[in-house]
């Protein structure tokens, strides 16, 4: 017969999950959307308001997309707020500018 000593099951240190919360990513995505919305006003002035008067549903559809992009980058980058902010800003501004240039050239 073998000597068997029962051992308690322990979690290894590497098994502990790093908590990357999605709330800061959502806030960053929301703020990125409003910053991207302000850029055409800064470039083209108040005439942009008349353009947005007819195309607002397209730009409003980018709001949940921006929040989801912020959440995704926050989870992928494991909560590093600086890199999450930079990548979210870059992607949201590019998406916003792509839609804006598509609608103005249409």
PDB file of N, CA and C in Angstrom:
ATOM      1  N   UNK A   1       0.835  -1.160   0.000  1.00  0.00           N
ATOM      2  CA  UNK A   1       0.000   0.000   0.000  1.00  0.00           C
ATOM      3  C   UNK A   1       0.895   1.243   0.000  1.00  0.00           C
ATOM      4  N   UNK A   2       0.454   2.255  -0.748  1.00  0.00           N
ATOM      5  CA  UNK A   2       1.250   3.468  -0.869  1.00  0.00           C
ATOM      6  C   UNK A   2       0.869   4.464   0.207  1.00  0.00           C
ATOM      7  N   UNK A   3       1.864   5.253   0.610  1.00  0.00           N
ATOM      8  CA  UNK A   3       1.590   6.354   1.534  1.00  0.00           C
ATOM      9  C   UNK A   3       1.076   7.534   0.718  1.00  0.00           C
ATOM     10  N   UNK A   4      -0.136   7.938   0.960  1.00  0.00           N
ATOM     11  CA  UNK A   4      -0.730   9.068   0.250  1.00  0.00           C
ATOM     12  C   UNK A   4      -1.107  10.120   1.277  1.00  0.00           C
ATOM     13  N   UNK A   5      -0.560  11.309   1.092  1.00  0.00           N
ATOM     14  CA  UNK A   5      -0.880  12.408   1.985  1.00  0.00           C
ATOM     15  C   UNK A   5      -1.856  13.330   1.266  1.00  0.00           C
ATOM     16  N   UNK A   6      -3.031  13.516   1.795  1.00  0.00           N
ATOM     17  CA  UNK A   6      -3.979  14.413   1.123  1.00  0.00           C
ATOM     18  C   UNK A   6      -3.489  15.861   1.226  1.00  0.00           C
ATOM     19  N   UNK A   7      -3.509  16.534   0.105  1.00  0.00           N
ATOM     20  CA  UNK A   7      -3.094  17.940   0.074  1.00  0.00           C
ATOM     21  C   UNK A   7      -4.274  18.789  -0.345  1.00  0.00           C
ATOM     22  N   UNK A   8      -4.329  19.952   0.218  1.00  0.00           N
ATOM     23  CA  UNK A   8      -5.393  20.873  -0.144  1.00  0.00           C
ATOM     24  C   UNK A   8      -5.121  21.433  -1.534  1.00  0.00           C
ATOM     25  N   UNK A   9      -6.178  21.554  -2.296  1.00  0.00           N
ATOM     26  CA  UNK A   9      -6.040  22.139  -3.639  1.00  0.00           C
ATOM     27  C   UNK A   9      -5.875  23.642  -3.493  1.00  0.00           C
ATOM     28  N   UNK A  10      -4.767  24.136  -3.978  1.00  0.00           N
ATOM     29  CA  UNK A  10      -4.485  25.563  -3.917  1.00  0.00           C
ATOM     30  C   UNK A  10      -4.494  26.137  -5.316  1.00  0.00           C
ATOM     31  N   UNK A  11      -4.880  27.365  -5.359  1.00  0.00           N
ATOM     32  CA  UNK A  11      -4.764  28.077  -6.630  1.00  0.00           C
ATOM     33  C   UNK A  11      -3.327  28.530  -6.779  1.00  0.00           C
ATOM     34  N   UNK A  12      -2.844  28.380  -7.969  1.00  0.00           N
ATOM     35  CA  UNK A  12      -1.511  28.904  -8.243  1.00  0.00           C
ATOM     36  C   UNK A  12      -1.595  30.407  -8.383  1.00  0.00           C
ATOM     37  N   UNK A  13      -0.465  31.051  -8.211  1.00  0.00           N
ATOM     38  CA  UNK A  13      -0.443  32.495  -8.363  1.00  0.00           C
ATOM     39  C   UNK A  13      -0.753  32.903  -9.799  1.00  0.00           C
ATOM     40  N   UNK A  14      -0.416  32.068 -10.749  1.00  0.00           N
ATOM     41  CA  UNK A  14      -0.652  32.412 -12.144  1.00  0.00           C
ATOM     42  C   UNK A  14      -2.102  32.218 -12.548  1.00  0.00           C
ATOM     43  N   UNK A  15      -2.900  31.523 -11.724  1.00  0.00           N
ATOM     44  CA  UNK A  15      -4.305  31.294 -12.044  1.00  0.00           C
ATOM     45  C   UNK A  15      -5.195  32.474 -11.689  1.00  0.00           C
ATOM     46  N   UNK A  16      -4.683  33.396 -10.909  1.00  0.00           N
ATOM     47  CA  UNK A  16      -5.506  34.524 -10.523  1.00  0.00           C
ATOM     48  C   UNK A  16      -5.723  35.433 -11.715  1.00  0.00           C
ATOM     49  N   UNK A  17      -6.973  35.811 -11.900  1.00  0.00           N
ATOM     50  CA  UNK A  17      -7.329  36.642 -13.047  1.00  0.00           C
ATOM     51  C   UNK A  17      -6.984  38.096 -12.776  1.00  0.00           C
ATOM     52  N   UNK A  18      -6.490  38.751 -13.805  1.00  0.00           N
ATOM     53  CA  UNK A  18      -6.318  40.195 -13.734  1.00  0.00           C
ATOM     54  C   UNK A  18      -7.667  40.812 -14.086  1.00  0.00           C
ATOM     55  N   UNK A  19      -8.111  41.711 -13.243  1.00  0.00           N
ATOM     56  CA  UNK A  19      -9.413  42.317 -13.476  1.00  0.00           C
ATOM     57  C   UNK A  19      -9.252  43.533 -14.376  1.00  0.00           C
ATOM     58  N   UNK A  20      -9.718  43.417 -15.584  1.00  0.00           N
ATOM     59  CA  UNK A  20      -9.739  44.555 -16.495  1.00  0.00           C
ATOM     60  C   UNK A  20     -11.198  44.980 -16.620  1.00  0.00           C
ATOM     61  N   UNK A  21     -11.537  46.045 -15.973  1.00  0.00           N
ATOM     62  CA  UNK A  21     -12.925  46.461 -15.925  1.00  0.00           C
ATOM     63  C   UNK A  21     -13.325  47.120 -17.231  1.00  0.00           C
ATOM     64  N   UNK A  22     -14.559  46.938 -17.600  1.00  0.00           N
ATOM     65  CA  UNK A  22     -15.038  47.479 -18.868  1.00  0.00           C
ATOM     66  C   UNK A  22     -15.571  48.902 -18.724  1.00  0.00           C
ATOM     67  N   UNK A  23     -15.871  49.332 -17.508  1.00  0.00           N
ATOM     68  CA  UNK A  23     -16.434  50.673 -17.324  1.00  0.00           C
ATOM     69  C   UNK A  23     -15.501  51.793 -17.779  1.00  0.00           C
ATOM     70  N   UNK A  24     -14.209  51.775 -17.416  1.00  0.00           N
ATOM     71  CA  UNK A  24     -13.337  52.844 -17.918  1.00  0.00           C
ATOM     72  C   UNK A  24     -13.235  52.853 -19.441  1.00  0.00           C
ATOM     73  N   UNK A  25     -13.263  51.687 -20.059  1.00  0.00           N
ATOM     74  CA  UNK A  25     -13.234  51.628 -21.518  1.00  0.00           C
ATOM     75  C   UNK A  25     -14.481  52.221 -22.131  1.00  0.00           C
ATOM     76  N   UNK A  26     -15.631  51.989 -21.514  1.00  0.00           N
ATOM     77  CA  UNK A  26     -16.875  52.590 -22.004  1.00  0.00           C
ATOM     78  C   UNK A  26     -16.873  54.098 -21.876  1.00  0.00           C
ATOM     79  N   UNK A  27     -16.327  54.584 -20.772  1.00  0.00           N
ATOM     80  CA  UNK A  27     -16.236  56.039 -20.570  1.00  0.00           C
ATOM     81  C   UNK A  27     -15.276  56.648 -21.587  1.00  0.00           C
ATOM     82  N   UNK A  28     -14.166  55.970 -21.836  1.00  0.00           N
ATOM     83  CA  UNK A  28     -13.205  56.465 -22.823  1.00  0.00           C
ATOM     84  C   UNK A  28     -13.822  56.462 -24.216  1.00  0.00           C
ATOM     85  N   UNK A  29     -14.581  55.427 -24.556  1.00  0.00           N
ATOM     86  CA  UNK A  29     -15.265  55.382 -25.847  1.00  0.00           C
ATOM     87  C   UNK A  29     -16.295  56.487 -25.987  1.00  0.00           C
ATOM     88  N   UNK A  30     -17.035  56.757 -24.909  1.00  0.00           N
ATOM     89  CA  UNK A  30     -18.034  57.825 -24.926  1.00  0.00           C
ATOM     90  C   UNK A  30     -17.374  59.189 -25.109  1.00  0.00           C
ATOM     91  N   UNK A  31     -16.294  59.427 -24.387  1.00  0.00           N
ATOM     92  CA  UNK A  31     -15.575  60.698 -24.520  1.00  0.00           C
ATOM     93  C   UNK A  31     -14.925  60.824 -25.896  1.00  0.00           C
ATOM     94  N   UNK A  32     -14.454  59.719 -26.443  1.00  0.00           N
ATOM     95  CA  UNK A  32     -13.849  59.747 -27.776  1.00  0.00           C
ATOM     96  C   UNK A  32     -14.880  60.111 -28.836  1.00  0.00           C
ATOM     97  N   UNK A  33     -16.098  59.629 -28.657  1.00  0.00           N
ATOM     98  CA  UNK A  33     -17.167  59.964 -29.600  1.00  0.00           C
ATOM     99  C   UNK A  33     -17.414  61.470 -29.617  1.00  0.00           C
ATOM    100  N   UNK A  34     -17.517  62.077 -28.433  1.00  0.00           N
ATOM    101  CA  UNK A  34     -17.798  63.509 -28.383  1.00  0.00           C
ATOM    102  C   UNK A  34     -16.623  64.342 -28.898  1.00  0.00           C
ATOM    103  N   UNK A  35     -15.419  63.854 -28.681  1.00  0.00           N
ATOM    104  CA  UNK A  35     -14.262  64.550 -29.236  1.00  0.00           C
ATOM    105  C   UNK A  35     -14.267  64.453 -30.760  1.00  0.00           C
ATOM    106  N   UNK A  36     -14.584  63.272 -31.274  1.00  0.00           N
ATOM    107  CA  UNK A  36     -14.639  63.102 -32.726  1.00  0.00           C
ATOM    108  C   UNK A  36     -15.771  63.919 -33.333  1.00  0.00           C
ATOM    109  N   UNK A  37     -16.857  64.092 -32.607  1.00  0.00           N
ATOM    110  CA  UNK A  37     -17.970  64.915 -33.089  1.00  0.00           C
ATOM    111  C   UNK A  37     -17.591  66.389 -33.136  1.00  0.00           C
ATOM    112  N   UNK A  38     -16.704  66.812 -32.261  1.00  0.00           N
ATOM    113  CA  UNK A  38     -16.315  68.219 -32.206  1.00  0.00           C
ATOM    114  C   UNK A  38     -15.305  68.594 -33.291  1.00  0.00           C
ATOM    115  N   UNK A  39     -14.589  67.629 -33.819  1.00  0.00           N
ATOM    116  CA  UNK A  39     -13.544  67.941 -34.799  1.00  0.00           C
ATOM    117  C   UNK A  39     -14.093  68.591 -36.075  1.00  0.00           C
ATOM    118  N   UNK A  40     -15.182  68.096 -36.682  1.00  0.00           N
ATOM    119  CA  UNK A  40     -15.703  68.811 -37.868  1.00  0.00           C
ATOM    120  C   UNK A  40     -16.158  70.229 -37.569  1.00  0.00           C
ATOM    121  N   UNK A  41     -16.666  70.469 -36.370  1.00  0.00           N
ATOM    122  CA  UNK A  41     -17.040  71.834 -36.001  1.00  0.00           C
ATOM    123  C   UNK A  41     -15.817  72.740 -35.924  1.00  0.00           C
ATOM    124  N   UNK A  42     -14.714  72.191 -35.441  1.00  0.00           N
ATOM    125  CA  UNK A  42     -13.491  72.989 -35.368  1.00  0.00           C
ATOM    126  C   UNK A  42     -12.916  73.255 -36.759  1.00  0.00           C
ATOM    127  N   UNK A  43     -13.053  72.298 -37.661  1.00  0.00           N
ATOM    128  CA  UNK A  43     -12.484  72.450 -38.995  1.00  0.00           C
ATOM    129  C   UNK A  43     -13.362  73.275 -39.935  1.00  0.00           C
ATOM    130  N   UNK A  44     -14.675  73.034 -39.899  1.00  0.00           N
ATOM    131  CA  UNK A  44     -15.569  73.646 -40.883  1.00  0.00           C
ATOM    132  C   UNK A  44     -16.496  74.705 -40.316  1.00  0.00           C
ATOM    133  N   UNK A  45     -16.511  74.889 -39.025  1.00  0.00           N
ATOM    134  CA  UNK A  45     -17.317  75.945 -38.430  1.00  0.00           C
ATOM    135  C   UNK A  45     -18.770  75.549 -38.240  1.00  0.00           C
ATOM    136  N   UNK A  46     -19.622  76.561 -38.150  1.00  0.00           N
ATOM    137  CA  UNK A  46     -21.026  76.329 -37.809  1.00  0.00           C
ATOM    138  C   UNK A  46     -21.831  75.729 -38.964  1.00  0.00           C
ATOM    139  N   UNK A  47     -21.302  75.728 -40.184  1.00  0.00           N
ATOM    140  CA  UNK A  47     -22.025  75.102 -41.296  1.00  0.00           C
ATOM    141  C   UNK A  47     -22.134  73.594 -41.123  1.00  0.00           C
ATOM    142  N   UNK A  48     -21.308  73.041 -40.285  1.00  0.00           N
ATOM    143  CA  UNK A  48     -21.368  71.607 -40.014  1.00  0.00           C
ATOM    144  C   UNK A  48     -22.691  71.236 -39.357  1.00  0.00           C
ATOM    145  N   UNK A  49     -23.275  72.164 -38.617  1.00  0.00           N
ATOM    146  CA  UNK A  49     -24.546  71.902 -37.961  1.00  0.00           C
ATOM    147  C   UNK A  49     -25.641  71.604 -38.972  1.00  0.00           C
ATOM    148  N   UNK A  50     -25.664  72.299 -40.091  1.00  0.00           N
ATOM    149  CA  UNK A  50     -26.667  72.029 -41.120  1.00  0.00           C
ATOM    150  C   UNK A  50     -26.435  70.678 -41.788  1.00  0.00           C
ATOM    151  N   UNK A  51     -25.195  70.287 -41.907  1.00  0.00           N
ATOM    152  CA  UNK A  51     -24.886  68.960 -42.445  1.00  0.00           C
ATOM    153  C   UNK A  51     -25.351  67.870 -41.481  1.00  0.00           C
ATOM    154  N   UNK A  52     -25.117  68.084 -40.182  1.00  0.00           N
ATOM    155  CA  UNK A  52     -25.548  67.105 -39.186  1.00  0.00           C
ATOM    156  C   UNK A  52     -27.063  67.065 -39.029  1.00  0.00           C
ATOM    157  N   UNK A  53     -27.748  68.116 -39.438  1.00  0.00           N
ATOM    158  CA  UNK A  53     -29.196  68.150 -39.324  1.00  0.00           C
ATOM    159  C   UNK A  53     -29.848  67.030 -40.127  1.00  0.00           C
ATOM    160  N   UNK A  54     -29.273  66.695 -41.271  1.00  0.00           N
ATOM    161  CA  UNK A  54     -29.843  65.665 -42.128  1.00  0.00           C
ATOM    162  C   UNK A  54     -29.172  64.304 -41.977  1.00  0.00           C
ATOM    163  N   UNK A  55     -27.999  64.268 -41.422  1.00  0.00           N
ATOM    164  CA  UNK A  55     -27.261  63.003 -41.353  1.00  0.00           C
ATOM    165  C   UNK A  55     -27.059  62.505 -39.924  1.00  0.00           C
ATOM    166  N   UNK A  56     -27.787  63.063 -38.948  1.00  0.00           N
ATOM    167  CA  UNK A  56     -27.565  62.713 -37.551  1.00  0.00           C
ATOM    168  C   UNK A  56     -27.775  61.232 -37.242  1.00  0.00           C
ATOM    169  N   UNK A  57     -28.674  60.489 -37.913  1.00  0.00           N
ATOM    170  CA  UNK A  57     -28.798  59.065 -37.538  1.00  0.00           C
ATOM    171  C   UNK A  57     -27.529  58.259 -37.791  1.00  0.00           C
ATOM    172  N   UNK A  58     -26.798  58.612 -38.837  1.00  0.00           N
ATOM    173  CA  UNK A  58     -25.556  57.906 -39.139  1.00  0.00           C
ATOM    174  C   UNK A  58     -24.515  58.130 -38.041  1.00  0.00           C
ATOM    175  N   UNK A  59     -24.417  59.366 -37.605  1.00  0.00           N
ATOM    176  CA  UNK A  59     -23.432  59.696 -36.578  1.00  0.00           C
ATOM    177  C   UNK A  59     -23.873  59.223 -35.198  1.00  0.00           C
ATOM    178  N   UNK A  60     -25.183  59.187 -34.954  1.00  0.00           N
ATOM    179  CA  UNK A  60     -25.669  58.658 -33.691  1.00  0.00           C
ATOM    180  C   UNK A  60     -25.414  57.160 -33.589  1.00  0.00           C
ATOM    181  N   UNK A  61     -25.406  56.469 -34.719  1.00  0.00           N
ATOM    182  CA  UNK A  61     -25.123  55.034 -34.717  1.00  0.00           C
ATOM    183  C   UNK A  61     -23.680  54.740 -34.319  1.00  0.00           C
ATOM    184  N   UNK A  62     -22.800  55.718 -34.451  1.00  0.00           N
ATOM    185  CA  UNK A  62     -21.409  55.519 -34.042  1.00  0.00           C
ATOM    186  C   UNK A  62     -21.210  55.591 -32.528  1.00  0.00           C
ATOM    187  N   UNK A  63     -22.200  56.100 -31.798  1.00  0.00           N
ATOM    188  CA  UNK A  63     -22.052  56.208 -30.342  1.00  0.00           C
ATOM    189  C   UNK A  63     -21.925  54.848 -29.665  1.00  0.00           C
ATOM    190  N   UNK A  64     -22.840  53.904 -29.882  1.00  0.00           N
ATOM    191  CA  UNK A  64     -22.627  52.600 -29.231  1.00  0.00           C
ATOM    192  C   UNK A  64     -21.416  51.852 -29.771  1.00  0.00           C
ATOM    193  N   UNK A  65     -21.091  52.091 -31.037  1.00  0.00           N
ATOM    194  CA  UNK A  65     -19.896  51.463 -31.615  1.00  0.00           C
ATOM    195  C   UNK A  65     -18.651  51.994 -30.919  1.00  0.00           C
ATOM    196  N   UNK A  66     -18.623  53.276 -30.635  1.00  0.00           N
ATOM    197  CA  UNK A  66     -17.477  53.882 -29.947  1.00  0.00           C
ATOM    198  C   UNK A  66     -17.333  53.338 -28.527  1.00  0.00           C
ATOM    199  N   UNK A  67     -18.446  53.179 -27.840  1.00  0.00           N
ATOM    200  CA  UNK A  67     -18.394  52.639 -26.483  1.00  0.00           C
ATOM    201  C   UNK A  67     -17.904  51.193 -26.511  1.00  0.00           C
ATOM    202  N   UNK A  68     -18.382  50.407 -27.467  1.00  0.00           N
ATOM    203  CA  UNK A  68     -17.928  49.016 -27.587  1.00  0.00           C
ATOM    204  C   UNK A  68     -16.455  48.928 -27.961  1.00  0.00           C
ATOM    205  N   UNK A  69     -15.989  49.842 -28.782  1.00  0.00           N
ATOM    206  CA  UNK A  69     -14.566  49.874 -29.132  1.00  0.00           C
ATOM    207  C   UNK A  69     -13.732  50.176 -27.888  1.00  0.00           C
ATOM    208  N   UNK A  70     -14.190  51.133 -27.073  1.00  0.00           N
ATOM    209  CA  UNK A  70     -13.485  51.450 -25.832  1.00  0.00           C
ATOM    210  C   UNK A  70     -13.453  50.271 -24.876  1.00  0.00           C
ATOM    211  N   UNK A  71     -14.573  49.561 -24.749  1.00  0.00           N
ATOM    212  CA  UNK A  71     -14.623  48.390 -23.868  1.00  0.00           C
ATOM    213  C   UNK A  71     -13.699  47.295 -24.389  1.00  0.00           C
ATOM    214  N   UNK A  72     -13.718  47.083 -25.694  1.00  0.00           N
ATOM    215  CA  UNK A  72     -12.882  46.036 -26.289  1.00  0.00           C
ATOM    216  C   UNK A  72     -11.404  46.312 -26.075  1.00  0.00           C
ATOM    217  N   UNK A  73     -10.986  47.538 -26.338  1.00  0.00           N
ATOM    218  CA  UNK A  73      -9.580  47.873 -26.131  1.00  0.00           C
ATOM    219  C   UNK A  73      -9.198  47.828 -24.656  1.00  0.00           C
ATOM    220  N   UNK A  74     -10.119  48.183 -23.770  1.00  0.00           N
ATOM    221  CA  UNK A  74      -9.830  48.113 -22.344  1.00  0.00           C
ATOM    222  C   UNK A  74      -9.608  46.669 -21.905  1.00  0.00           C
ATOM    223  N   UNK A  75     -10.398  45.766 -22.439  1.00  0.00           N
ATOM    224  CA  UNK A  75     -10.229  44.357 -22.081  1.00  0.00           C
ATOM    225  C   UNK A  75      -9.002  43.746 -22.754  1.00  0.00           C
ATOM    226  N   UNK A  76      -8.749  44.115 -24.001  1.00  0.00           N
ATOM    227  CA  UNK A  76      -7.586  43.568 -24.698  1.00  0.00           C
ATOM    228  C   UNK A  76      -6.269  44.067 -24.127  1.00  0.00           C
ATOM    229  N   UNK A  77      -6.255  45.317 -23.710  1.00  0.00           N
ATOM    230  CA  UNK A  77      -5.032  45.902 -23.162  1.00  0.00           C
ATOM    231  C   UNK A  77      -4.960  45.773 -21.643  1.00  0.00           C
ATOM    232  N   UNK A  78      -5.859  45.008 -21.079  1.00  0.00           N
ATOM    233  CA  UNK A  78      -5.887  44.666 -19.649  1.00  0.00           C
ATOM    234  C   UNK A  78      -5.896  45.877 -18.739  1.00  0.00           C
ATOM    235  N   UNK A  79      -6.679  46.868 -19.113  1.00  0.00           N
ATOM    236  CA  UNK A  79      -6.891  47.998 -18.238  1.00  0.00           C
ATOM    237  C   UNK A  79      -5.828  49.074 -18.251  1.00  0.00           C
ATOM    238  N   UNK A  80      -4.873  49.033 -19.165  1.00  0.00           N
ATOM    239  CA  UNK A  80      -3.889  50.110 -19.261  1.00  0.00           C
ATOM    240  C   UNK A  80      -4.590  51.327 -19.872  1.00  0.00           C
ATOM    241  N   UNK A  81      -4.874  52.302 -19.040  1.00  0.00           N
ATOM    242  CA  UNK A  81      -5.725  53.412 -19.464  1.00  0.00           C
ATOM    243  C   UNK A  81      -5.080  54.295 -20.521  1.00  0.00           C
ATOM    244  N   UNK A  82      -3.782  54.471 -20.463  1.00  0.00           N
ATOM    245  CA  UNK A  82      -3.124  55.341 -21.446  1.00  0.00           C
ATOM    246  C   UNK A  82      -3.225  54.729 -22.842  1.00  0.00           C
ATOM    247  N   UNK A  83      -2.877  53.452 -22.953  1.00  0.00           N
ATOM    248  CA  UNK A  83      -2.942  52.808 -24.268  1.00  0.00           C
ATOM    249  C   UNK A  83      -4.379  52.621 -24.733  1.00  0.00           C
ATOM    250  N   UNK A  84      -5.280  52.369 -23.813  1.00  0.00           N
ATOM    251  CA  UNK A  84      -6.693  52.261 -24.170  1.00  0.00           C
ATOM    252  C   UNK A  84      -7.211  53.581 -24.708  1.00  0.00           C
ATOM    253  N   UNK A  85      -6.833  54.670 -24.065  1.00  0.00           N
ATOM    254  CA  UNK A  85      -7.277  55.990 -24.508  1.00  0.00           C
ATOM    255  C   UNK A  85      -6.729  56.328 -25.885  1.00  0.00           C
ATOM    256  N   UNK A  86      -5.452  56.079 -26.093  1.00  0.00           N
ATOM    257  CA  UNK A  86      -4.823  56.416 -27.374  1.00  0.00           C
ATOM    258  C   UNK A  86      -5.425  55.597 -28.515  1.00  0.00           C
ATOM    259  N   UNK A  87      -5.548  54.298 -28.327  1.00  0.00           N
ATOM    260  CA  UNK A  87      -6.070  53.454 -29.407  1.00  0.00           C
ATOM    261  C   UNK A  87      -7.551  53.716 -29.663  1.00  0.00           C
ATOM    262  N   UNK A  88      -8.319  53.930 -28.605  1.00  0.00           N
ATOM    263  CA  UNK A  88      -9.742  54.214 -28.788  1.00  0.00           C
ATOM    264  C   UNK A  88      -9.940  55.539 -29.498  1.00  0.00           C
ATOM    265  N   UNK A  89      -9.201  56.556 -29.087  1.00  0.00           N
ATOM    266  CA  UNK A  89      -9.300  57.850 -29.760  1.00  0.00           C
ATOM    267  C   UNK A  89      -8.948  57.733 -31.236  1.00  0.00           C
ATOM    268  N   UNK A  90      -7.885  57.036 -31.525  1.00  0.00           N
ATOM    269  CA  UNK A  90      -7.449  56.898 -32.910  1.00  0.00           C
ATOM    270  C   UNK A  90      -8.488  56.166 -33.760  1.00  0.00           C
ATOM    271  N   UNK A  91      -9.001  55.064 -33.260  1.00  0.00           N
ATOM    272  CA  UNK A  91      -9.960  54.272 -34.035  1.00  0.00           C
ATOM    273  C   UNK A  91     -11.293  55.011 -34.182  1.00  0.00           C
ATOM    274  N   UNK A  92     -11.785  55.630 -33.127  1.00  0.00           N
ATOM    275  CA  UNK A  92     -13.075  56.329 -33.197  1.00  0.00           C
ATOM    276  C   UNK A  92     -12.986  57.545 -34.108  1.00  0.00           C
ATOM    277  N   UNK A  93     -11.906  58.291 -34.030  1.00  0.00           N
ATOM    278  CA  UNK A  93     -11.749  59.449 -34.915  1.00  0.00           C
ATOM    279  C   UNK A  93     -11.638  58.997 -36.366  1.00  0.00           C
ATOM    280  N   UNK A  94     -10.937  57.908 -36.618  1.00  0.00           N
ATOM    281  CA  UNK A  94     -10.848  57.389 -37.994  1.00  0.00           C
ATOM    282  C   UNK A  94     -12.206  56.923 -38.511  1.00  0.00           C
ATOM    283  N   UNK A  95     -12.985  56.239 -37.664  1.00  0.00           N
ATOM    284  CA  UNK A  95     -14.323  55.814 -38.085  1.00  0.00           C
ATOM    285  C   UNK A  95     -15.227  57.011 -38.339  1.00  0.00           C
ATOM    286  N   UNK A  96     -15.161  57.979 -37.463  1.00  0.00           N
ATOM    287  CA  UNK A  96     -15.984  59.171 -37.607  1.00  0.00           C
ATOM    288  C   UNK A  96     -15.601  59.933 -38.869  1.00  0.00           C
ATOM    289  N   UNK A  97     -14.317  60.077 -39.107  1.00  0.00           N
ATOM    290  CA  UNK A  97     -13.860  60.794 -40.285  1.00  0.00           C
ATOM    291  C   UNK A  97     -14.191  60.023 -41.566  1.00  0.00           C
ATOM    292  N   UNK A  98     -14.129  58.708 -41.526  1.00  0.00           N
ATOM    293  CA  UNK A  98     -14.500  57.885 -42.673  1.00  0.00           C
ATOM    294  C   UNK A  98     -15.973  58.089 -43.019  1.00  0.00           C
ATOM    295  N   UNK A  99     -16.842  58.070 -42.017  1.00  0.00           N
ATOM    296  CA  UNK A  99     -18.263  58.301 -42.259  1.00  0.00           C
ATOM    297  C   UNK A  99     -18.514  59.719 -42.745  1.00  0.00           C
ATOM    298  N   UNK A 100     -17.855  60.678 -42.142  1.00  0.00           N
ATOM    299  CA  UNK A 100     -18.039  62.084 -42.538  1.00  0.00           C
ATOM    300  C   UNK A 100     -17.587  62.292 -43.975  1.00  0.00           C
ATOM    301  N   UNK A 101     -16.452  61.752 -44.339  1.00  0.00           N
ATOM    302  CA  UNK A 101     -15.974  61.950 -45.716  1.00  0.00           C
ATOM    303  C   UNK A 101     -16.818  61.162 -46.724  1.00  0.00           C
ATOM    304  N   UNK A 102     -17.340  60.010 -46.327  1.00  0.00           N
ATOM    305  CA  UNK A 102     -18.219  59.257 -47.212  1.00  0.00           C
ATOM    306  C   UNK A 102     -19.519  60.021 -47.476  1.00  0.00           C
ATOM    307  N   UNK A 103     -20.105  60.602 -46.428  1.00  0.00           N
ATOM    308  CA  UNK A 103     -21.367  61.317 -46.603  1.00  0.00           C
ATOM    309  C   UNK A 103     -21.185  62.656 -47.318  1.00  0.00           C
ATOM    310  N   UNK A 104     -20.063  63.317 -47.145  1.00  0.00           N
ATOM    311  CA  UNK A 104     -19.866  64.577 -47.859  1.00  0.00           C
ATOM    312  C   UNK A 104     -19.529  64.349 -49.323  1.00  0.00           C
ATOM    313  N   UNK A 105     -18.968  63.192 -49.629  1.00  0.00           N
ATOM    314  CA  UNK A 105     -18.646  62.907 -51.022  1.00  0.00           C
ATOM    315  C   UNK A 105     -19.738  62.180 -51.766  1.00  0.00           C
ATOM    316  N   UNK A 106     -20.814  61.825 -51.068  1.00  0.00           N
ATOM    317  CA  UNK A 106     -21.879  61.049 -51.661  1.00  0.00           C
ATOM    318  C   UNK A 106     -22.775  61.920 -52.427  1.00  0.00           C
TER     319      UNK A 106
END
